[in-house]
Amino acid sequence: MIFITLLTFFASAIGTVSGFGTSTILVPFLSLFYPFSEVLLFAGVIHLVGNVWRVLFFRKGIRMHLVFFFGIFGAMASYLGSRFSFLIPKIMFYVILGSFFVLYALFLLVCTRFKIAPTRTSSAIGGLISGFISGLFGVGGPVRAMFLTAFNLEKSVYLATVGLIGLFIDSVRVGGYLIGGSMLTTQQWILLMACIPCSFLGAGLAKKIVNKIPQSIFKKVVAGFLLCSGVYMLYLSL
């Protein structure tokens, strides 16, 4: 329990700096100890409150039009994904998504001028894909970041917008897990209550780190975290 609370602190810090990564770290580790249905609910709640911290810490300049397109389409797809979350093998997911993240991150780091067209259509598509994957496996944040980096947002605006979008998506998918019958034990609820303040402390530390990252290299930082997420998923599939 102590290790999981410390891991939550670390995951929250990483997730706040890059706009994703909390569930990418927590879900595979928790899966070693708990049934996947309980893992998705537990990590989903942590991710939900983590998005609250992002909005509070970086609340200035949220792009509401992005929140609308990503959030609405993402929330619908998230609920659908949550209802199918226990049907697809995790290993297959790690291999496919991990490979894609590695290739895309390397491409971004090499071809620095490339970006997905920042249109309403790409916003809607990004919301649908990231929302569905979030509901299905609890780790849709990297996909969301992949699309949102196309808009070249100032770092605090990017993080606040990601947080508010995630708040919509996570609220729906957590509800989907509960409707689907996912439940936590008393011990897991106690652990969850201990992890929430750790999540806040991790986000607070991350805010200080973000303020020191130059805007000119922030997109590369996000790409670097995408690369690490992909390598991590491929490692888990071995």
C-alpha atoms as a PDB file:
ATOM      1  CA  MET A   1       0.000   0.000   0.000  1.00  0.00           C
ATOM      2  CA  ILE A   2       2.862   2.371   0.814  1.00  0.00           C
ATOM      3  CA  PHE A   3       4.512   1.634  -2.518  1.00  0.00           C
ATOM      4  CA  ILE A   4       1.282   2.252  -4.443  1.00  0.00           C
ATOM      5  CA  THR A   5       0.766   5.643  -2.750  1.00  0.00           C
ATOM      6  CA  LEU A   6       4.363   6.620  -3.633  1.00  0.00           C
ATOM      7  CA  LEU A   7       3.840   5.385  -7.183  1.00  0.00           C
ATOM      8  CA  THR A   8       0.690   7.528  -7.387  1.00  0.00           C
ATOM      9  CA  PHE A   9       2.737  10.583  -6.373  1.00  0.00           C
ATOM     10  CA  PHE A  10       5.292   9.837  -9.093  1.00  0.00           C
ATOM     11  CA  ALA A  11       2.649   9.034 -11.722  1.00  0.00           C
ATOM     12  CA  SER A  12       0.723  12.226 -10.927  1.00  0.00           C
ATOM     13  CA  ALA A  13       3.862  14.313 -11.328  1.00  0.00           C
ATOM     14  CA  ILE A  14       4.669  12.694 -14.694  1.00  0.00           C
ATOM     15  CA  GLY A  15       1.060  12.984 -15.837  1.00  0.00           C
ATOM     16  CA  THR A  16       0.864  16.663 -14.947  1.00  0.00           C
ATOM     17  CA  VAL A  17       4.125  17.599 -16.695  1.00  0.00           C
ATOM     18  CA  SER A  18       3.210  15.855 -19.961  1.00  0.00           C
ATOM     19  CA  GLY A  19      -0.599  15.970 -19.819  1.00  0.00           C
ATOM     20  CA  PHE A  20      -0.773  12.162 -19.720  1.00  0.00           C
ATOM     21  CA  GLY A  21       0.952   9.174 -18.147  1.00  0.00           C
ATOM     22  CA  THR A  22      -0.775   8.664 -14.790  1.00  0.00           C
ATOM     23  CA  SER A  23      -2.827   5.674 -15.937  1.00  0.00           C
ATOM     24  CA  THR A  24      -0.032   4.461 -18.222  1.00  0.00           C
ATOM     25  CA  ILE A  25       2.069   3.938 -15.102  1.00  0.00           C
ATOM     26  CA  LEU A  26      -0.621   2.819 -12.662  1.00  0.00           C
ATOM     27  CA  VAL A  27      -2.735   0.414 -14.754  1.00  0.00           C
ATOM     28  CA  PRO A  28      -0.006  -2.119 -15.684  1.00  0.00           C
ATOM     29  CA  PHE A  29       1.431  -2.140 -12.152  1.00  0.00           C
ATOM     30  CA  LEU A  30      -1.903  -2.497 -10.365  1.00  0.00           C
ATOM     31  CA  SER A  31      -2.830  -5.298 -12.764  1.00  0.00           C
ATOM     32  CA  LEU A  32      -0.163  -7.411 -11.045  1.00  0.00           C
ATOM     33  CA  PHE A  33      -2.182  -7.382  -7.812  1.00  0.00           C
ATOM     34  CA  TYR A  34      -5.861  -6.776  -8.609  1.00  0.00           C
ATOM     35  CA  PRO A  35      -8.458  -7.945 -11.172  1.00  0.00           C
ATOM     36  CA  PHE A  36      -8.494  -5.719 -14.261  1.00  0.00           C
ATOM     37  CA  SER A  37     -12.034  -4.451 -13.595  1.00  0.00           C
ATOM     38  CA  GLU A  38     -10.930  -3.143 -10.180  1.00  0.00           C
ATOM     39  CA  VAL A  39      -7.733  -1.697 -11.642  1.00  0.00           C
ATOM     40  CA  LEU A  40      -9.657   0.323 -14.248  1.00  0.00           C
ATOM     41  CA  LEU A  41     -11.978   1.777 -11.614  1.00  0.00           C
ATOM     42  CA  PHE A  42      -9.174   2.552  -9.152  1.00  0.00           C
ATOM     43  CA  ALA A  43      -6.890   4.151 -11.750  1.00  0.00           C
ATOM     44  CA  GLY A  44      -9.882   5.915 -13.328  1.00  0.00           C
ATOM     45  CA  VAL A  45     -10.712   7.712 -10.074  1.00  0.00           C
ATOM     46  CA  ILE A  46      -7.042   8.694  -9.567  1.00  0.00           C
ATOM     47  CA  HIS A  47      -6.916   9.988 -13.131  1.00  0.00           C
ATOM     48  CA  LEU A  48     -10.175  11.879 -12.593  1.00  0.00           C
ATOM     49  CA  VAL A  49      -8.906  13.775  -9.544  1.00  0.00           C
ATOM     50  CA  GLY A  50      -5.570  14.303 -11.314  1.00  0.00           C
ATOM     51  CA  ASN A  51      -7.415  16.201 -14.021  1.00  0.00           C
ATOM     52  CA  VAL A  52      -9.042  18.349 -11.326  1.00  0.00           C
ATOM     53  CA  TRP A  53      -5.549  19.307 -10.093  1.00  0.00           C
ATOM     54  CA  ARG A  54      -4.422  20.180 -13.643  1.00  0.00           C
ATOM     55  CA  VAL A  55      -7.399  22.470 -14.151  1.00  0.00           C
ATOM     56  CA  LEU A  56      -6.821  24.159 -10.786  1.00  0.00           C
ATOM     57  CA  PHE A  57      -3.074  24.653 -11.299  1.00  0.00           C
ATOM     58  CA  PHE A  58      -3.211  25.702 -14.986  1.00  0.00           C
ATOM     59  CA  ARG A  59      -6.723  27.124 -15.279  1.00  0.00           C
ATOM     60  CA  LYS A  60      -5.909  30.289 -17.248  1.00  0.00           C
ATOM     61  CA  GLY A  61      -6.580  30.268 -20.968  1.00  0.00           C
ATOM     62  CA  ILE A  62      -8.497  27.011 -21.409  1.00  0.00           C
ATOM     63  CA  ARG A  63      -9.512  26.556 -25.057  1.00  0.00           C
ATOM     64  CA  MET A  64     -13.205  25.797 -24.690  1.00  0.00           C
ATOM     65  CA  HIS A  65     -13.744  24.949 -28.372  1.00  0.00           C
ATOM     66  CA  LEU A  66     -11.178  22.144 -28.029  1.00  0.00           C
ATOM     67  CA  VAL A  67     -12.784  21.020 -24.778  1.00  0.00           C
ATOM     68  CA  PHE A  68     -16.144  20.879 -26.543  1.00  0.00           C
ATOM     69  CA  PHE A  69     -15.034  18.801 -29.545  1.00  0.00           C
ATOM     70  CA  PHE A  70     -12.615  16.548 -27.663  1.00  0.00           C
ATOM     71  CA  GLY A  71     -14.774  16.294 -24.562  1.00  0.00           C
ATOM     72  CA  ILE A  72     -18.178  15.587 -26.130  1.00  0.00           C
ATOM     73  CA  PHE A  73     -16.951  13.014 -28.641  1.00  0.00           C
ATOM     74  CA  GLY A  74     -14.445  11.614 -26.165  1.00  0.00           C
ATOM     75  CA  ALA A  75     -17.055  11.157 -23.430  1.00  0.00           C
ATOM     76  CA  MET A  76     -19.402   9.242 -25.741  1.00  0.00           C
ATOM     77  CA  ALA A  77     -16.610   6.994 -26.993  1.00  0.00           C
ATOM     78  CA  SER A  78     -15.299   6.527 -23.454  1.00  0.00           C
ATOM     79  CA  TYR A  79     -18.596   5.099 -22.244  1.00  0.00           C
ATOM     80  CA  LEU A  80     -18.673   2.708 -25.204  1.00  0.00           C
ATOM     81  CA  GLY A  81     -15.109   1.615 -24.509  1.00  0.00           C
ATOM     82  CA  SER A  82     -15.832   1.064 -20.821  1.00  0.00           C
ATOM     83  CA  ARG A  83     -18.570  -1.433 -21.683  1.00  0.00           C
ATOM     84  CA  PHE A  84     -16.124  -3.490 -23.785  1.00  0.00           C
ATOM     85  CA  SER A  85     -13.183  -3.064 -21.405  1.00  0.00           C
ATOM     86  CA  PHE A  86     -13.043  -6.675 -20.252  1.00  0.00           C
ATOM     87  CA  LEU A  87     -13.254  -8.380 -23.651  1.00  0.00           C
ATOM     88  CA  ILE A  88      -9.947  -7.566 -25.415  1.00  0.00           C
ATOM     89  CA  PRO A  89      -6.623  -9.172 -24.341  1.00  0.00           C
ATOM     90  CA  LYS A  90      -4.326  -6.638 -22.673  1.00  0.00           C
ATOM     91  CA  ILE A  91      -1.185  -8.008 -24.346  1.00  0.00           C
ATOM     92  CA  MET A  92      -2.556  -7.317 -27.819  1.00  0.00           C
ATOM     93  CA  PHE A  93      -3.359  -3.766 -26.750  1.00  0.00           C
ATOM     94  CA  TYR A  94       0.133  -3.139 -25.356  1.00  0.00           C
ATOM     95  CA  VAL A  95       1.849  -4.370 -28.528  1.00  0.00           C
ATOM     96  CA  ILE A  96      -0.282  -2.373 -30.972  1.00  0.00           C
ATOM     97  CA  LEU A  97      -0.472   0.888 -29.056  1.00  0.00           C
ATOM     98  CA  GLY A  98       3.099   0.710 -27.743  1.00  0.00           C
ATOM     99  CA  SER A  99       4.500   0.252 -31.260  1.00  0.00           C
ATOM    100  CA  PHE A 100       2.425   3.138 -32.565  1.00  0.00           C
ATOM    101  CA  PHE A 101       3.545   5.515 -29.797  1.00  0.00           C
ATOM    102  CA  VAL A 102       7.213   4.680 -30.335  1.00  0.00           C
ATOM    103  CA  LEU A 103       7.046   5.225 -34.094  1.00  0.00           C
ATOM    104  CA  TYR A 104       4.991   8.402 -33.832  1.00  0.00           C
ATOM    105  CA  ALA A 105       7.205   9.910 -31.108  1.00  0.00           C
ATOM    106  CA  LEU A 106      10.373   9.183 -33.090  1.00  0.00           C
ATOM    107  CA  PHE A 107       8.755  10.719 -36.154  1.00  0.00           C
ATOM    108  CA  LEU A 108       7.890  13.877 -34.180  1.00  0.00           C
ATOM    109  CA  LEU A 109      11.408  14.169 -32.801  1.00  0.00           C
ATOM    110  CA  VAL A 110      12.971  13.781 -36.262  1.00  0.00           C
ATOM    111  CA  CYS A 111      10.405  15.638 -38.385  1.00  0.00           C
ATOM    112  CA  THR A 112       9.921  18.609 -36.088  1.00  0.00           C
ATOM    113  CA  ARG A 113       7.761  20.545 -38.565  1.00  0.00           C
ATOM    114  CA  PHE A 114       5.129  17.835 -38.956  1.00  0.00           C
ATOM    115  CA  LYS A 115       1.813  18.217 -37.191  1.00  0.00           C
ATOM    116  CA  ILE A 116      -1.723  16.900 -37.475  1.00  0.00           C
ATOM    117  CA  ALA A 117      -3.990  19.505 -39.043  1.00  0.00           C
ATOM    118  CA  PRO A 118      -5.466  21.553 -36.141  1.00  0.00           C
ATOM    119  CA  THR A 119      -9.086  21.420 -37.313  1.00  0.00           C
ATOM    120  CA  ARG A 120     -12.449  20.646 -35.719  1.00  0.00           C
ATOM    121  CA  THR A 121     -12.463  17.353 -37.578  1.00  0.00           C
ATOM    122  CA  SER A 122      -9.116  16.292 -36.109  1.00  0.00           C
ATOM    123  CA  SER A 123     -10.369  17.398 -32.680  1.00  0.00           C
ATOM    124  CA  ALA A 124     -13.458  15.215 -33.004  1.00  0.00           C
ATOM    125  CA  ILE A 125     -11.437  12.249 -34.297  1.00  0.00           C
ATOM    126  CA  GLY A 126      -8.896  12.705 -31.512  1.00  0.00           C
ATOM    127  CA  GLY A 127     -11.685  12.795 -28.944  1.00  0.00           C
ATOM    128  CA  LEU A 128     -13.305   9.648 -30.318  1.00  0.00           C
ATOM    129  CA  ILE A 129     -10.083   7.635 -30.449  1.00  0.00           C
ATOM    130  CA  SER A 130      -8.665   8.787 -27.105  1.00  0.00           C
ATOM    131  CA  GLY A 131     -12.034   8.455 -25.386  1.00  0.00           C
ATOM    132  CA  PHE A 132     -12.614   4.928 -26.639  1.00  0.00           C
ATOM    133  CA  ILE A 133      -9.119   3.795 -25.652  1.00  0.00           C
ATOM    134  CA  SER A 134      -9.485   5.489 -22.256  1.00  0.00           C
ATOM    135  CA  GLY A 135     -12.670   3.572 -21.571  1.00  0.00           C
ATOM    136  CA  LEU A 136     -11.301   0.333 -22.984  1.00  0.00           C
ATOM    137  CA  PHE A 137      -7.907   0.220 -21.267  1.00  0.00           C
ATOM    138  CA  GLY A 138      -7.689   3.341 -19.101  1.00  0.00           C
ATOM    139  CA  VAL A 139      -4.697   4.830 -20.955  1.00  0.00           C
ATOM    140  CA  GLY A 140      -6.051   7.154 -23.654  1.00  0.00           C
ATOM    141  CA  GLY A 141      -4.034  10.186 -22.550  1.00  0.00           C
ATOM    142  CA  PRO A 142      -1.113   9.646 -24.971  1.00  0.00           C
ATOM    143  CA  VAL A 143      -3.531   9.618 -27.936  1.00  0.00           C
ATOM    144  CA  ARG A 144      -5.148  12.817 -26.666  1.00  0.00           C
ATOM    145  CA  ALA A 145      -1.714  14.442 -26.350  1.00  0.00           C
ATOM    146  CA  MET A 146      -0.789  13.318 -29.865  1.00  0.00           C
ATOM    147  CA  PHE A 147      -3.697  15.281 -31.321  1.00  0.00           C
ATOM    148  CA  LEU A 148      -3.555  18.303 -29.013  1.00  0.00           C
ATOM    149  CA  THR A 149       0.140  18.988 -29.650  1.00  0.00           C
ATOM    150  CA  ALA A 150      -0.905  19.811 -33.231  1.00  0.00           C
ATOM    151  CA  PHE A 151      -2.488  23.037 -31.962  1.00  0.00           C
ATOM    152  CA  ASN A 152       0.830  24.418 -30.606  1.00  0.00           C
ATOM    153  CA  LEU A 153      -0.784  25.602 -27.390  1.00  0.00           C
ATOM    154  CA  GLU A 154       1.165  27.463 -24.746  1.00  0.00           C
ATOM    155  CA  LYS A 155       2.183  24.868 -22.152  1.00  0.00           C
ATOM    156  CA  SER A 156      -0.140  25.986 -19.324  1.00  0.00           C
ATOM    157  CA  VAL A 157      -3.050  26.284 -21.787  1.00  0.00           C
ATOM    158  CA  TYR A 158      -2.264  22.809 -23.143  1.00  0.00           C
ATOM    159  CA  LEU A 159      -2.194  21.238 -19.676  1.00  0.00           C
ATOM    160  CA  ALA A 160      -5.379  22.965 -18.492  1.00  0.00           C
ATOM    161  CA  THR A 161      -7.219  22.038 -21.693  1.00  0.00           C
ATOM    162  CA  VAL A 162      -6.038  18.421 -21.444  1.00  0.00           C
ATOM    163  CA  GLY A 163      -7.186  18.377 -17.825  1.00  0.00           C
ATOM    164  CA  LEU A 164     -10.683  19.636 -18.534  1.00  0.00           C
ATOM    165  CA  ILE A 165     -11.119  17.281 -21.486  1.00  0.00           C
ATOM    166  CA  GLY A 166      -9.927  14.403 -19.317  1.00  0.00           C
ATOM    167  CA  LEU A 167     -12.359  15.428 -16.589  1.00  0.00           C
ATOM    168  CA  PHE A 168     -15.288  14.923 -18.960  1.00  0.00           C
ATOM    169  CA  ILE A 169     -13.978  11.632 -20.334  1.00  0.00           C
ATOM    170  CA  ASP A 170     -12.968  10.168 -16.980  1.00  0.00           C
ATOM    171  CA  SER A 171     -16.285  11.035 -15.343  1.00  0.00           C
ATOM    172  CA  VAL A 172     -18.152   9.104 -18.031  1.00  0.00           C
ATOM    173  CA  ARG A 173     -15.837   6.100 -18.121  1.00  0.00           C
ATOM    174  CA  VAL A 174     -15.766   5.737 -14.329  1.00  0.00           C
ATOM    175  CA  GLY A 175     -19.563   5.770 -14.437  1.00  0.00           C
ATOM    176  CA  GLY A 176     -19.423   3.107 -17.151  1.00  0.00           C
ATOM    177  CA  TYR A 177     -17.230   0.884 -14.993  1.00  0.00           C
ATOM    178  CA  LEU A 178     -19.628   1.233 -12.059  1.00  0.00           C
ATOM    179  CA  ILE A 179     -22.655   0.484 -14.248  1.00  0.00           C
ATOM    180  CA  GLY A 180     -20.781  -2.523 -15.627  1.00  0.00           C
ATOM    181  CA  GLY A 181     -20.433  -3.919 -12.102  1.00  0.00           C
ATOM    182  CA  SER A 182     -16.861  -2.936 -11.221  1.00  0.00           C
ATOM    183  CA  MET A 183     -16.418  -2.546  -7.447  1.00  0.00           C
ATOM    184  CA  LEU A 184     -13.589  -1.896  -4.969  1.00  0.00           C
ATOM    185  CA  THR A 185     -13.011  -3.711  -1.708  1.00  0.00           C
ATOM    186  CA  THR A 186     -12.902  -1.839   1.609  1.00  0.00           C
ATOM    187  CA  GLN A 187      -9.106  -2.079   1.638  1.00  0.00           C
ATOM    188  CA  GLN A 188      -8.925  -0.643  -1.894  1.00  0.00           C
ATOM    189  CA  TRP A 189     -11.165   2.283  -0.915  1.00  0.00           C
ATOM    190  CA  ILE A 190      -8.851   3.039   2.020  1.00  0.00           C
ATOM    191  CA  LEU A 191      -5.860   2.885  -0.320  1.00  0.00           C
ATOM    192  CA  LEU A 192      -7.651   5.147  -2.802  1.00  0.00           C
ATOM    193  CA  MET A 193      -8.307   7.764  -0.102  1.00  0.00           C
ATOM    194  CA  ALA A 194      -4.587   7.713   0.744  1.00  0.00           C
ATOM    195  CA  CYS A 195      -3.581   8.034  -2.922  1.00  0.00           C
ATOM    196  CA  ILE A 196      -5.706  11.119  -3.641  1.00  0.00           C
ATOM    197  CA  PRO A 197      -3.634  13.556  -1.504  1.00  0.00           C
ATOM    198  CA  CYS A 198      -0.457  11.990  -2.951  1.00  0.00           C
ATOM    199  CA  SER A 199      -1.840  12.764  -6.388  1.00  0.00           C
ATOM    200  CA  PHE A 200      -2.319  16.408  -5.358  1.00  0.00           C
ATOM    201  CA  LEU A 201       1.247  16.669  -4.031  1.00  0.00           C
ATOM    202  CA  GLY A 202       2.641  15.145  -7.226  1.00  0.00           C
ATOM    203  CA  ALA A 203       0.703  17.617  -9.358  1.00  0.00           C
ATOM    204  CA  GLY A 204       1.943  20.500  -7.200  1.00  0.00           C
ATOM    205  CA  LEU A 205       5.553  19.426  -7.708  1.00  0.00           C
ATOM    206  CA  ALA A 206       4.952  19.071 -11.444  1.00  0.00           C
ATOM    207  CA  LYS A 207       3.622  22.644 -11.681  1.00  0.00           C
ATOM    208  CA  LYS A 208       6.981  23.942 -10.459  1.00  0.00           C
ATOM    209  CA  ILE A 209       8.773  21.788 -13.025  1.00  0.00           C
ATOM    210  CA  VAL A 210       6.516  22.899 -15.897  1.00  0.00           C
ATOM    211  CA  ASN A 211       7.177  26.566 -15.097  1.00  0.00           C
ATOM    212  CA  LYS A 212      10.881  25.950 -15.689  1.00  0.00           C
ATOM    213  CA  ILE A 213      10.492  24.197 -19.061  1.00  0.00           C
ATOM    214  CA  PRO A 214      10.953  26.629 -21.990  1.00  0.00           C
ATOM    215  CA  GLN A 215       7.958  26.791 -24.308  1.00  0.00           C
ATOM    216  CA  SER A 216      10.249  26.153 -27.286  1.00  0.00           C
ATOM    217  CA  ILE A 217      11.077  22.621 -26.133  1.00  0.00           C
ATOM    218  CA  PHE A 218       7.803  21.720 -24.412  1.00  0.00           C
ATOM    219  CA  LYS A 219       6.474  19.830 -27.462  1.00  0.00           C
ATOM    220  CA  LYS A 220       9.682  17.765 -27.514  1.00  0.00           C
ATOM    221  CA  VAL A 221       9.159  16.971 -23.836  1.00  0.00           C
ATOM    222  CA  VAL A 222       5.674  15.650 -24.612  1.00  0.00           C
ATOM    223  CA  ALA A 223       7.065  13.630 -27.553  1.00  0.00           C
ATOM    224  CA  GLY A 224       9.708  12.202 -25.232  1.00  0.00           C
ATOM    225  CA  PHE A 225       7.044  11.033 -22.791  1.00  0.00           C
ATOM    226  CA  LEU A 226       5.122   9.499 -25.700  1.00  0.00           C
ATOM    227  CA  LEU A 227       8.255   7.546 -26.622  1.00  0.00           C
ATOM    228  CA  CYS A 228       8.725   6.359 -23.032  1.00  0.00           C
ATOM    229  CA  SER A 229       5.061   5.294 -22.836  1.00  0.00           C
ATOM    230  CA  GLY A 230       5.415   3.248 -26.003  1.00  0.00           C
ATOM    231  CA  VAL A 231       8.624   1.540 -24.867  1.00  0.00           C
ATOM    232  CA  TYR A 232       7.015   0.810 -21.488  1.00  0.00           C
ATOM    233  CA  MET A 233       3.972  -0.821 -23.117  1.00  0.00           C
ATOM    234  CA  LEU A 234       6.152  -2.941 -25.384  1.00  0.00           C
ATOM    235  CA  TYR A 235       8.153  -4.062 -22.361  1.00  0.00           C
ATOM    236  CA  LEU A 236       4.949  -5.095 -20.592  1.00  0.00           C
ATOM    237  CA  SER A 237       3.942  -7.228 -23.589  1.00  0.00           C
ATOM    238  CA  LEU A 238       7.104  -9.387 -23.377  1.00  0.00           C
END
